[in-house]
C-alpha atoms as a PDB file:
ATOM      1  CA  MET A   1     125.759  77.569  88.153  1.00  0.00           C
ATOM      2  CA  LEU A   2     127.617  76.459  85.056  1.00  0.00           C
ATOM      3  CA  GLY A   3     129.739  79.145  85.146  1.00  0.00           C
ATOM      4  CA  TRP A   4     130.653  79.131  89.142  1.00  0.00           C
ATOM      5  CA  ALA A   5     131.344  75.182  88.242  1.00  0.00           C
ATOM      6  CA  ALA A   6     133.203  75.758  85.422  1.00  0.00           C
ATOM      7  CA  LEU A   7     135.170  78.408  87.454  1.00  0.00           C
ATOM      8  CA  ALA A   8     135.792  76.124  90.327  1.00  0.00           C
ATOM      9  CA  MET A   9     137.530  73.483  87.758  1.00  0.00           C
ATOM     10  CA  LEU A  10     139.704  76.187  86.209  1.00  0.00           C
ATOM     11  CA  PRO A  11     142.880  75.545  88.003  1.00  0.00           C
ATOM     12  CA  ASP A  12     143.173  72.005  86.845  1.00  0.00           C
ATOM     13  CA  LEU A  13     144.169  73.221  83.279  1.00  0.00           C
ATOM     14  CA  ASP A  14     147.603  73.285  84.512  1.00  0.00           C
ATOM     15  CA  VAL A  15     147.779  69.646  83.239  1.00  0.00           C
ATOM     16  CA  ILE A  16     148.200  71.357  79.749  1.00  0.00           C
ATOM     17  CA  GLY A  17     151.528  72.089  80.529  1.00  0.00           C
ATOM     18  CA  PHE A  18     152.733  68.043  80.418  1.00  0.00           C
ATOM     19  CA  ALA A  19     152.419  68.404  76.894  1.00  0.00           C
ATOM     20  CA  PHE A  20     154.774  70.933  77.098  1.00  0.00           C
ATOM     21  CA  GLY A  21     157.759  69.536  79.026  1.00  0.00           C
ATOM     22  CA  VAL A  22     156.309  71.334  82.733  1.00  0.00           C
ATOM     23  CA  ARG A  23     156.967  68.159  85.261  1.00  0.00           C
ATOM     24  CA  TYR A  24     154.200  67.805  87.559  1.00  0.00           C
ATOM     25  CA  ALA A  25     156.711  69.157  91.045  1.00  0.00           C
ATOM     26  CA  ASP A  26     157.746  72.446  89.079  1.00  0.00           C
ATOM     27  CA  PRO A  27     155.934  75.493  90.233  1.00  0.00           C
ATOM     28  CA  TRP A  28     153.813  75.669  87.219  1.00  0.00           C
ATOM     29  CA  GLY A  29     153.024  72.048  87.299  1.00  0.00           C
ATOM     30  CA  HIS A  30     150.051  70.203  88.418  1.00  0.00           C
ATOM     31  CA  ARG A  31     148.961  71.508  91.666  1.00  0.00           C
ATOM     32  CA  GLY A  32     151.359  74.022  91.583  1.00  0.00           C
ATOM     33  CA  ALA A  33     150.906  78.126  91.036  1.00  0.00           C
ATOM     34  CA  ALA A  34     147.080  77.810  89.516  1.00  0.00           C
ATOM     35  CA  HIS A  35     146.311  75.812  92.723  1.00  0.00           C
ATOM     36  CA  SER A  36     147.300  78.694  94.943  1.00  0.00           C
ATOM     37  CA  LEU A  37     145.444  81.107  97.377  1.00  0.00           C
ATOM     38  CA  MET A  38     147.439  83.919  95.220  1.00  0.00           C
ATOM     39  CA  PHE A  39     146.408  82.602  91.606  1.00  0.00           C
ATOM     40  CA  ALA A  40     142.673  82.686  93.266  1.00  0.00           C
ATOM     41  CA  LEU A  41     143.017  86.258  94.251  1.00  0.00           C
ATOM     42  CA  ALA A  42     144.243  87.300  91.150  1.00  0.00           C
ATOM     43  CA  ILE A  43     141.857  85.478  88.917  1.00  0.00           C
ATOM     44  CA  ALA A  44     139.117  86.794  90.868  1.00  0.00           C
ATOM     45  CA  ALA A  45     140.048  90.431  90.597  1.00  0.00           C
ATOM     46  CA  ALA A  46     139.990  89.790  87.047  1.00  0.00           C
ATOM     47  CA  ILE A  47     136.757  88.477  87.013  1.00  0.00           C
ATOM     48  CA  ALA A  48     135.607  91.233  88.959  1.00  0.00           C
ATOM     49  CA  SER A  49     137.120  94.027  87.287  1.00  0.00           C
ATOM     50  CA  VAL A  50     135.741  92.591  83.779  1.00  0.00           C
ATOM     51  CA  VAL A  51     132.186  91.051  83.922  1.00  0.00           C
ATOM     52  CA  ARG A  52     128.996  93.410  84.601  1.00  0.00           C
ATOM     53  CA  THR A  53     126.091  92.209  86.257  1.00  0.00           C
ATOM     54  CA  ALA A  54     123.069  93.886  88.125  1.00  0.00           C
ATOM     55  CA  HIS A  55     122.758  91.055  90.323  1.00  0.00           C
ATOM     56  CA  VAL A  56     125.750  91.775  92.398  1.00  0.00           C
ATOM     57  CA  SER A  57     128.411  93.829  93.251  1.00  0.00           C
ATOM     58  CA  ARG A  58     131.587  94.109  92.022  1.00  0.00           C
ATOM     59  CA  ARG A  59     133.100  93.576  95.790  1.00  0.00           C
ATOM     60  CA  ARG A  60     131.063  90.655  96.165  1.00  0.00           C
ATOM     61  CA  LEU A  61     131.395  88.945  92.639  1.00  0.00           C
ATOM     62  CA  PHE A  62     135.084  89.352  93.643  1.00  0.00           C
ATOM     63  CA  GLY A  63     134.580  87.696  97.257  1.00  0.00           C
ATOM     64  CA  LEU A  64     132.598  84.937  95.480  1.00  0.00           C
ATOM     65  CA  ALA A  65     134.836  83.870  92.764  1.00  0.00           C
ATOM     66  CA  ALA A  66     137.990  83.819  95.031  1.00  0.00           C
ATOM     67  CA  LEU A  67     136.291  81.288  97.458  1.00  0.00           C
ATOM     68  CA  VAL A  68     135.138  79.300  94.937  1.00  0.00           C
ATOM     69  CA  LEU A  69     138.737  79.117  92.952  1.00  0.00           C
ATOM     70  CA  ALA A  70     140.268  78.955  96.488  1.00  0.00           C
ATOM     71  CA  SER A  71     138.272  76.197  97.297  1.00  0.00           C
ATOM     72  CA  HIS A  72     139.814  73.679  94.512  1.00  0.00           C
ATOM     73  CA  GLY A  73     143.395  73.853  95.979  1.00  0.00           C
ATOM     74  CA  LEU A  74     142.009  73.310  99.576  1.00  0.00           C
ATOM     75  CA  LEU A  75     139.647  70.600  98.978  1.00  0.00           C
ATOM     76  CA  ASP A  76     142.997  68.967  96.401  1.00  0.00           C
ATOM     77  CA  ALA A  77     144.615  68.947  99.787  1.00  0.00           C
ATOM     78  CA  LEU A  78     142.242  66.569 101.335  1.00  0.00           C
ATOM     79  CA  THR A  79     142.988  63.734  98.425  1.00  0.00           C
ATOM     80  CA  ASP A  80     144.955  61.084  99.565  1.00  0.00           C
ATOM     81  CA  GLY A  81     147.539  60.852  96.574  1.00  0.00           C
ATOM     82  CA  GLY A  82     149.627  63.139  94.302  1.00  0.00           C
ATOM     83  CA  LEU A  83     152.030  65.438  95.168  1.00  0.00           C
ATOM     84  CA  GLY A  84     150.650  68.083  97.602  1.00  0.00           C
ATOM     85  CA  ILE A  85     149.095  71.731  97.266  1.00  0.00           C
ATOM     86  CA  ALA A  86     151.268  75.101  96.665  1.00  0.00           C
ATOM     87  CA  LEU A  87     148.919  76.665  98.532  1.00  0.00           C
ATOM     88  CA  LEU A  88     151.358  79.539  99.354  1.00  0.00           C
ATOM     89  CA  TRP A  89     153.038  80.489  95.813  1.00  0.00           C
ATOM     90  CA  PRO A  90     154.827  82.431  95.061  1.00  0.00           C
ATOM     91  CA  PHE A  91     155.938  83.168  98.673  1.00  0.00           C
ATOM     92  CA  ASN A  92     156.660  79.604  99.397  1.00  0.00           C
ATOM     93  CA  LEU A  93     156.614  76.630  97.271  1.00  0.00           C
ATOM     94  CA  THR A  94     156.137  73.831  99.613  1.00  0.00           C
ATOM     95  CA  ARG A  95     153.490  71.386  98.668  1.00  0.00           C
ATOM     96  CA  TYR A  96     151.002  71.079 101.386  1.00  0.00           C
ATOM     97  CA  PHE A  97     148.370  68.487 102.318  1.00  0.00           C
ATOM     98  CA  ALA A  98     145.653  68.370 104.978  1.00  0.00           C
ATOM     99  CA  PRO A  99     146.203  66.145 107.983  1.00  0.00           C
ATOM    100  CA  TRP A 100     142.695  64.687 107.089  1.00  0.00           C
ATOM    101  CA  ARG A 101     142.726  63.096 103.497  1.00  0.00           C
ATOM    102  CA  PRO A 102     139.259  61.221 102.873  1.00  0.00           C
ATOM    103  CA  ILE A 103     139.180  61.896  99.268  1.00  0.00           C
ATOM    104  CA  PRO A 104     140.750  59.359  96.684  1.00  0.00           C
ATOM    105  CA  VAL A 105     142.693  61.118  94.274  1.00  0.00           C
ATOM    106  CA  ALA A 106     140.769  61.462  90.739  1.00  0.00           C
ATOM    107  CA  PRO A 107     142.711  59.880  87.693  1.00  0.00           C
ATOM    108  CA  ILE A 108     144.077  62.612  85.363  1.00  0.00           C
ATOM    109  CA  GLY A 109     142.412  63.036  81.448  1.00  0.00           C
ATOM    110  CA  LEU A 110     140.826  61.018  80.182  1.00  0.00           C
ATOM    111  CA  ALA A 111     141.846  57.690  82.767  1.00  0.00           C
ATOM    112  CA  PHE A 112     139.002  59.301  84.793  1.00  0.00           C
ATOM    113  CA  PHE A 113     136.270  57.672  82.350  1.00  0.00           C
ATOM    114  CA  SER A 114     136.790  54.158  84.227  1.00  0.00           C
ATOM    115  CA  PRO A 115     135.709  52.469  87.143  1.00  0.00           C
ATOM    116  CA  TYR A 116     137.909  53.790  89.551  1.00  0.00           C
ATOM    117  CA  GLY A 117     137.093  56.975  88.255  1.00  0.00           C
ATOM    118  CA  LEU A 118     133.123  56.283  88.676  1.00  0.00           C
ATOM    119  CA  PHE A 119     134.030  55.345  92.105  1.00  0.00           C
ATOM    120  CA  VAL A 120     135.782  59.016  93.258  1.00  0.00           C
ATOM    121  CA  SER A 121     133.047  60.678  91.776  1.00  0.00           C
ATOM    122  CA  LEU A 122     129.953  58.623  93.656  1.00  0.00           C
ATOM    123  CA  THR A 123     132.700  59.077  96.881  1.00  0.00           C
ATOM    124  CA  GLU A 124     132.870  62.963  96.059  1.00  0.00           C
ATOM    125  CA  LEU A 125     128.834  63.066  95.560  1.00  0.00           C
ATOM    126  CA  ALA A 126     128.383  61.162  99.141  1.00  0.00           C
ATOM    127  CA  LEU A 127     130.543  63.535 100.781  1.00  0.00           C
ATOM    128  CA  PHE A 128     129.336  66.840  99.683  1.00  0.00           C
ATOM    129  CA  ALA A 129     125.578  65.252  99.284  1.00  0.00           C
ATOM    130  CA  PRO A 130     124.670  68.229 102.450  1.00  0.00           C
ATOM    131  CA  VAL A 131     126.078  70.952 100.216  1.00  0.00           C
ATOM    132  CA  PHE A 132     123.706  69.522  97.323  1.00  0.00           C
ATOM    133  CA  ALA A 133     120.914  69.400  99.645  1.00  0.00           C
ATOM    134  CA  PHE A 134     121.397  73.054 101.164  1.00  0.00           C
ATOM    135  CA  ALA A 135     121.200  73.753  97.534  1.00  0.00           C
ATOM    136  CA  THR A 136     117.949  72.418  96.754  1.00  0.00           C
ATOM    137  CA  GLY A 137     115.848  74.191  99.407  1.00  0.00           C
ATOM    138  CA  TRP A 138     113.279  71.361 100.094  1.00  0.00           C
ATOM    139  CA  PRO A 139     113.427  70.209 103.745  1.00  0.00           C
ATOM    140  CA  ARG A 140     112.226  66.728 102.969  1.00  0.00           C
ATOM    141  CA  ILE A 141     114.559  66.466 100.507  1.00  0.00           C
ATOM    142  CA  ARG A 142     117.518  67.659 102.593  1.00  0.00           C
ATOM    143  CA  SER A 143     116.663  65.190 105.503  1.00  0.00           C
ATOM    144  CA  ILE A 144     116.973  62.370 102.888  1.00  0.00           C
ATOM    145  CA  PHE A 145     120.636  63.673 101.368  1.00  0.00           C
ATOM    146  CA  VAL A 146     121.495  64.058 105.288  1.00  0.00           C
ATOM    147  CA  THR A 147     120.539  60.691 106.263  1.00  0.00           C
ATOM    148  CA  VAL A 148     122.495  58.882 103.476  1.00  0.00           C
ATOM    149  CA  TRP A 149     125.163  61.095 103.790  1.00  0.00           C
ATOM    150  CA  ALA A 150     126.051  60.343 107.077  1.00  0.00           C
ATOM    151  CA  VAL A 151     125.836  56.328 106.292  1.00  0.00           C
ATOM    152  CA  ALA A 152     127.903  57.357 103.034  1.00  0.00           C
ATOM    153  CA  ALA A 153     130.510  59.256 104.762  1.00  0.00           C
ATOM    154  CA  TRP A 154     131.195  56.895 107.646  1.00  0.00           C
ATOM    155  CA  LEU A 155     131.815  54.130 104.838  1.00  0.00           C
ATOM    156  CA  ILE A 156     134.191  56.263 103.252  1.00  0.00           C
ATOM    157  CA  VAL A 157     136.357  58.031 105.435  1.00  0.00           C
ATOM    158  CA  SER A 158     136.642  55.177 107.934  1.00  0.00           C
ATOM    159  CA  THR A 159     138.691  52.239 107.844  1.00  0.00           C
ATOM    160  CA  ASP A 160     136.146  49.905 109.156  1.00  0.00           C
ATOM    161  CA  PRO A 161     136.003  46.660 107.858  1.00  0.00           C
ATOM    162  CA  ILE A 162     132.370  46.548 106.407  1.00  0.00           C
ATOM    163  CA  ARG A 163     133.220  49.618 104.086  1.00  0.00           C
ATOM    164  CA  GLU A 164     136.707  47.986 103.176  1.00  0.00           C
ATOM    165  CA  ARG A 165     134.240  44.866 102.107  1.00  0.00           C
ATOM    166  CA  VAL A 166     131.709  46.683 100.362  1.00  0.00           C
ATOM    167  CA  VAL A 167     134.256  48.082  98.062  1.00  0.00           C
ATOM    168  CA  SER A 168     136.205  45.211  97.447  1.00  0.00           C
ATOM    169  CA  VAL A 169     133.736  43.533  96.725  1.00  0.00           C
ATOM    170  CA  ALA A 170     132.353  45.801  94.657  1.00  0.00           C
ATOM    171  CA  LEU A 171     135.678  46.213  92.535  1.00  0.00           C
ATOM    172  CA  ARG A 172     136.245  42.290  92.414  1.00  0.00           C
ATOM    173  CA  GLU A 173     139.241  42.751  94.313  1.00  0.00           C
ATOM    174  CA  ASN A 174     142.562  40.840  93.897  1.00  0.00           C
ATOM    175  CA  THR A 175     145.252  41.901  95.652  1.00  0.00           C
ATOM    176  CA  GLN A 176     148.993  40.189  96.594  1.00  0.00           C
ATOM    177  CA  TYR A 177     150.909  41.495  99.289  1.00  0.00           C
ATOM    178  CA  ALA A 178     154.414  41.356  99.983  1.00  0.00           C
ATOM    179  CA  ALA A 179     155.318  38.654 102.880  1.00  0.00           C
ATOM    180  CA  GLY A 180     155.370  40.393 105.948  1.00  0.00           C
ATOM    181  CA  PHE A 181     153.117  43.799 104.668  1.00  0.00           C
ATOM    182  CA  SER A 182     151.254  45.275 107.201  1.00  0.00           C
ATOM    183  CA  GLU A 183     148.708  48.137 106.968  1.00  0.00           C
ATOM    184  CA  ALA A 184     149.128  49.583 110.197  1.00  0.00           C
ATOM    185  CA  THR A 185     152.825  50.254 109.953  1.00  0.00           C
ATOM    186  CA  PHE A 186     152.298  51.227 105.861  1.00  0.00           C
ATOM    187  CA  LYS A 187     149.814  53.952 107.485  1.00  0.00           C
ATOM    188  CA  ASN A 188     152.820  55.206 109.489  1.00  0.00           C
ATOM    189  CA  ILE A 189     155.194  56.182 106.690  1.00  0.00           C
ATOM    190  CA  GLU A 190     155.905  60.304 106.626  1.00  0.00           C
ATOM    191  CA  PRO A 191     157.307  61.988 103.841  1.00  0.00           C
ATOM    192  CA  GLY A 192     161.328  62.510 104.765  1.00  0.00           C
ATOM    193  CA  ALA A 193     161.601  59.141 105.992  1.00  0.00           C
ATOM    194  CA  PRO A 194     164.992  57.219 104.933  1.00  0.00           C
ATOM    195  CA  VAL A 195     164.778  54.246 102.866  1.00  0.00           C
ATOM    196  CA  ALA A 196     166.431  51.994 106.201  1.00  0.00           C
ATOM    197  CA  VAL A 197     163.174  52.769 108.191  1.00  0.00           C
ATOM    198  CA  VAL A 198     160.957  52.254 106.002  1.00  0.00           C
ATOM    199  CA  GLN A 199     162.432  48.842 105.121  1.00  0.00           C
ATOM    200  CA  ALA A 200     162.928  48.101 108.491  1.00  0.00           C
ATOM    201  CA  ALA A 201     159.196  48.799 109.369  1.00  0.00           C
ATOM    202  CA  ASN A 202     157.389  47.426 106.621  1.00  0.00           C
ATOM    203  CA  GLY A 203     160.106  44.837 105.048  1.00  0.00           C
ATOM    204  CA  GLN A 204     161.423  43.833 100.914  1.00  0.00           C
ATOM    205  CA  PRO A 205     158.887  44.997  98.835  1.00  0.00           C
ATOM    206  CA  LEU A 206     157.261  43.165  95.847  1.00  0.00           C
ATOM    207  CA  GLU A 207     159.036  45.051  93.292  1.00  0.00           C
ATOM    208  CA  GLU A 208     161.463  48.310  93.016  1.00  0.00           C
ATOM    209  CA  VAL A 209     161.162  50.916  90.068  1.00  0.00           C
ATOM    210  CA  TRP A 210     164.444  52.563  89.624  1.00  0.00           C
ATOM    211  CA  LEU A 211     163.760  56.006  88.059  1.00  0.00           C
ATOM    212  CA  PHE A 212     166.777  57.559  86.243  1.00  0.00           C
ATOM    213  CA  PHE A 213     165.073  60.958  86.015  1.00  0.00           C
ATOM    214  CA  ALA A 214     163.674  63.537  89.007  1.00  0.00           C
ATOM    215  CA  PRO A 215     160.379  61.745  89.552  1.00  0.00           C
ATOM    216  CA  ASP A 216     157.013  63.389  88.894  1.00  0.00           C
ATOM    217  CA  GLU A 217     153.421  62.105  88.642  1.00  0.00           C
ATOM    218  CA  SER A 218     153.470  63.261  84.884  1.00  0.00           C
ATOM    219  CA  GLY A 219     155.492  60.106  84.259  1.00  0.00           C
ATOM    220  CA  GLU A 220     157.362  61.800  81.692  1.00  0.00           C
ATOM    221  CA  PRO A 221     161.037  63.377  82.026  1.00  0.00           C
ATOM    222  CA  ALA A 222     160.934  67.347  81.194  1.00  0.00           C
ATOM    223  CA  GLU A 223     162.200  67.842  77.506  1.00  0.00           C
ATOM    224  CA  GLY A 224     165.611  67.536  77.007  1.00  0.00           C
ATOM    225  CA  ARG A 225     166.493  64.826  79.825  1.00  0.00           C
ATOM    226  CA  MET A 226     165.470  61.908  78.649  1.00  0.00           C
ATOM    227  CA  PRO A 227     168.425  59.738  79.707  1.00  0.00           C
ATOM    228  CA  PRO A 228     169.183  56.298  77.892  1.00  0.00           C
ATOM    229  CA  CYS A 229     166.778  54.011  79.936  1.00  0.00           C
ATOM    230  CA  PRO A 230     164.423  56.045  82.094  1.00  0.00           C
ATOM    231  CA  THR A 231     162.881  53.467  84.540  1.00  0.00           C
ATOM    232  CA  VAL A 232     164.106  49.880  85.516  1.00  0.00           C
ATOM    233  CA  ALA A 233     161.782  47.006  86.944  1.00  0.00           C
ATOM    234  CA  ILE A 234     163.581  45.293  89.357  1.00  0.00           C
ATOM    235  CA  GLU A 235     162.214  41.959  91.546  1.00  0.00           C
ATOM    236  CA  ALA A 236     164.230  39.930  93.815  1.00  0.00           C
ATOM    237  CA  ASP A 237     167.538  41.843  92.764  1.00  0.00           C
ATOM    238  CA  ARG A 238     166.561  40.802  89.086  1.00  0.00           C
ATOM    239  CA  VAL A 239     165.153  43.076  86.370  1.00  0.00           C
ATOM    240  CA  VAL A 240     161.951  42.085  85.226  1.00  0.00           C
ATOM    241  CA  ALA A 241     159.518  43.038  81.824  1.00  0.00           C
ATOM    242  CA  ASP A 242     157.447  46.101  83.064  1.00  0.00           C
ATOM    243  CA  PRO A 243     154.293  45.758  81.198  1.00  0.00           C
ATOM    244  CA  ARG A 244     153.809  49.341  82.175  1.00  0.00           C
ATOM    245  CA  MET A 245     156.603  50.828  80.514  1.00  0.00           C
ATOM    246  CA  ARG A 246     155.613  52.136  76.836  1.00  0.00           C
ATOM    247  CA  ASP A 247     157.185  49.786  73.811  1.00  0.00           C
ATOM    248  CA  SER A 248     159.316  52.808  72.849  1.00  0.00           C
ATOM    249  CA  VAL A 249     161.257  53.107  76.139  1.00  0.00           C
ATOM    250  CA  ALA A 250     161.781  49.394  76.354  1.00  0.00           C
ATOM    251  CA  ALA A 251     163.765  49.709  73.081  1.00  0.00           C
ATOM    252  CA  MET A 252     165.734  52.228  74.658  1.00  0.00           C
ATOM    253  CA  CYS A 253     166.770  50.193  77.557  1.00  0.00           C
ATOM    254  CA  GLU A 254     167.254  47.368  75.538  1.00  0.00           C
ATOM    255  CA  ARG A 255     169.619  49.884  73.134  1.00  0.00           C
ATOM    256  CA  ALA A 256     171.213  50.941  76.597  1.00  0.00           C
ATOM    257  CA  GLY A 257     172.312  47.771  77.416  1.00  0.00           C
ATOM    258  CA  VAL A 258     169.378  46.852  80.065  1.00  0.00           C
ATOM    259  CA  ARG A 259     168.168  43.314  79.771  1.00  0.00           C
ATOM    260  CA  THR A 260     165.862  41.020  81.798  1.00  0.00           C
ATOM    261  CA  GLY A 261     167.406  39.113  84.062  1.00  0.00           C
ATOM    262  CA  MET A 262     170.089  41.297  84.229  1.00  0.00           C
ATOM    263  CA  PRO A 263     171.486  41.865  87.870  1.00  0.00           C
ATOM    264  CA  ALA A 264     170.260  45.073  89.922  1.00  0.00           C
ATOM    265  CA  ASP A 265     174.111  45.836  90.603  1.00  0.00           C
ATOM    266  CA  ALA A 266     174.860  45.789  86.403  1.00  0.00           C
ATOM    267  CA  VAL A 267     172.162  48.231  86.148  1.00  0.00           C
ATOM    268  CA  LYS A 268     173.959  50.286  88.088  1.00  0.00           C
ATOM    269  CA  ALA A 269     177.293  49.760  86.924  1.00  0.00           C
ATOM    270  CA  LEU A 270     176.031  49.948  83.656  1.00  0.00           C
ATOM    271  CA  LEU A 271     173.533  53.578  84.142  1.00  0.00           C
ATOM    272  CA  GLY A 272     174.526  54.976  87.467  1.00  0.00           C
ATOM    273  CA  PRO A 273     172.669  55.647  90.646  1.00  0.00           C
ATOM    274  CA  PRO A 274     168.861  56.019  90.099  1.00  0.00           C
ATOM    275  CA  VAL A 275     167.792  59.454  90.936  1.00  0.00           C
ATOM    276  CA  GLY A 276     164.751  57.808  93.365  1.00  0.00           C
ATOM    277  CA  MET A 277     162.537  54.511  93.122  1.00  0.00           C
ATOM    278  CA  CYS A 278     159.224  53.389  94.133  1.00  0.00           C
ATOM    279  CA  TRP A 279     158.887  50.150  96.367  1.00  0.00           C
ATOM    280  CA  SER A 280     155.551  48.349  95.261  1.00  0.00           C
ATOM    281  CA  TYR A 281     154.189  46.429  98.492  1.00  0.00           C
ATOM    282  CA  THR A 282     151.132  44.876  96.517  1.00  0.00           C
ATOM    283  CA  ARG A 283     150.351  43.884  92.657  1.00  0.00           C
ATOM    284  CA  GLY A 284     146.850  42.617  91.165  1.00  0.00           C
ATOM    285  CA  PRO A 285     147.266  39.340  88.854  1.00  0.00           C
ATOM    286  CA  SER A 286     146.028  40.104  85.368  1.00  0.00           C
ATOM    287  CA  ARG A 287     143.983  43.215  84.838  1.00  0.00           C
ATOM    288  CA  ALA A 288     141.790  42.687  88.774  1.00  0.00           C
ATOM    289  CA  TYR A 289     141.859  45.559  90.621  1.00  0.00           C
ATOM    290  CA  TYR A 290     144.267  46.013  94.032  1.00  0.00           C
ATOM    291  CA  ARG A 291     144.707  48.040  96.440  1.00  0.00           C
ATOM    292  CA  ALA A 292     148.378  50.033  95.417  1.00  0.00           C
ATOM    293  CA  ARG A 293     150.549  50.813  98.095  1.00  0.00           C
ATOM    294  CA  VAL A 294     153.688  52.354  97.028  1.00  0.00           C
ATOM    295  CA  VAL A 295     155.980  54.373  98.537  1.00  0.00           C
ATOM    296  CA  CYS A 296     158.543  56.645  96.203  1.00  0.00           C
ATOM    297  CA  PHE A 297     161.982  57.965  97.311  1.00  0.00           C
ATOM    298  CA  GLU A 298     164.161  60.560  96.331  1.00  0.00           C
ATOM    299  CA  SER A 299     167.871  61.184  97.515  1.00  0.00           C
ATOM    300  CA  GLY A 300     166.958  58.393  99.662  1.00  0.00           C
ATOM    301  CA  LYS A 301     163.940  60.043 101.493  1.00  0.00           C
ATOM    302  CA  VAL A 302     159.917  59.290 101.268  1.00  0.00           C
ATOM    303  CA  PHE A 303     158.690  62.046  98.892  1.00  0.00           C
ATOM    304  CA  GLU A 304     155.210  60.323  98.342  1.00  0.00           C
ATOM    305  CA  VAL A 305     153.244  57.439  99.592  1.00  0.00           C
ATOM    306  CA  MET A 306     150.414  56.194  97.197  1.00  0.00           C
ATOM    307  CA  ARG A 307     147.555  54.364  99.107  1.00  0.00           C
ATOM    308  CA  ARG A 308     144.714  53.746  96.453  1.00  0.00           C
ATOM    309  CA  TRP A 309     142.883  51.062  94.119  1.00  0.00           C
ATOM    310  CA  GLU A 310     144.624  50.202  90.870  1.00  0.00           C
ATOM    311  CA  ARG A 311     144.042  47.980  87.780  1.00  0.00           C
ATOM    312  CA  GLY A 312     146.733  45.481  87.421  1.00  0.00           C
END
C-alpha cells in the first residue's frame, strides 16, 4: 500500500526543478513531462522489467503501475488552480484542464502544512471517501463512508450558499471585493480572453501586479533572466508597497529607480512595458483568509484564472 502511494506521488518530484531554474511552464516544469501519460508508461515499463514478485505477473504489474502514475496527472487536471497538465508530452506541450474542476489546488512545499493545506486534505478525503470505503471491504463501513461522502461531496463541489457559509466560518473569512465585482462574471473568464474583455465584464481590479519576466507559478525568473525590477504592484495608477515581495527584490526595484507613489506611466517609461500582469479583484486585510480572485495575462490575453482561498 505504501509503495503504490509513493508511486502515485512520484510525478510531483518535478518541483525539485524550481531550485535549478526550471520554470513552472517549461516542458520539465511542474505538471509538465513528469505528469504525462508517456512518462507513466515509461516508468511503469521500467518497474515491470526490474521488480520481481511471485504474486503479480509482469504484464499486470505494468498495467497497475501505469494506471497509478497516469491517475496523478488526470486528477491534477481536475484541480482549480496552477497551470494545466502536459498529458500528451512529448508529442504536444499543451497544458490541459478538465472541464469540471472540483478539487482545490494544493499549496506547494512547506506551505502545504497550513490551515489551507489541511482544508485541501480534508476536501480530497471527502471526495475520495468511496475509494477508501471500497478498500476496507466491510459493508457496514462502506455504507457509512458513502453516506458521509454524499453530503461532503455535495458541499465541496457545489456553489451552494450553505457550503460557502461553512467554509467562510471555518476559515474566519474577511474578503474585500473590488467595486462592481461579480462572482458570476468572474466564473466566465476563459484562458485566451483579451484584457479589454475581462475589464469590460469585471471592472477595475483592486490591484495590479506587473511582471517583468515570463510569469509562472514558481514565482522566480529563470536563472540568468533576472530583470532590474521583477515585479511592481500598482493601485490607482500608482506604485504601492507589496508586502509579498521579498526584501532583496524590493531593494532591486529601489536601485532601479522604482519608488512607492510613482505614477504607473513613469514605471513603463523606466522599465518598459511589462511582460505580463495579474489583476486582483479581492484582498484580505491583515492575516485573514479571503476568497482570492485573480486573473493573469500574458501578451494581452488571459493565461491563468485563480479562484481559491488565500491568507492576506
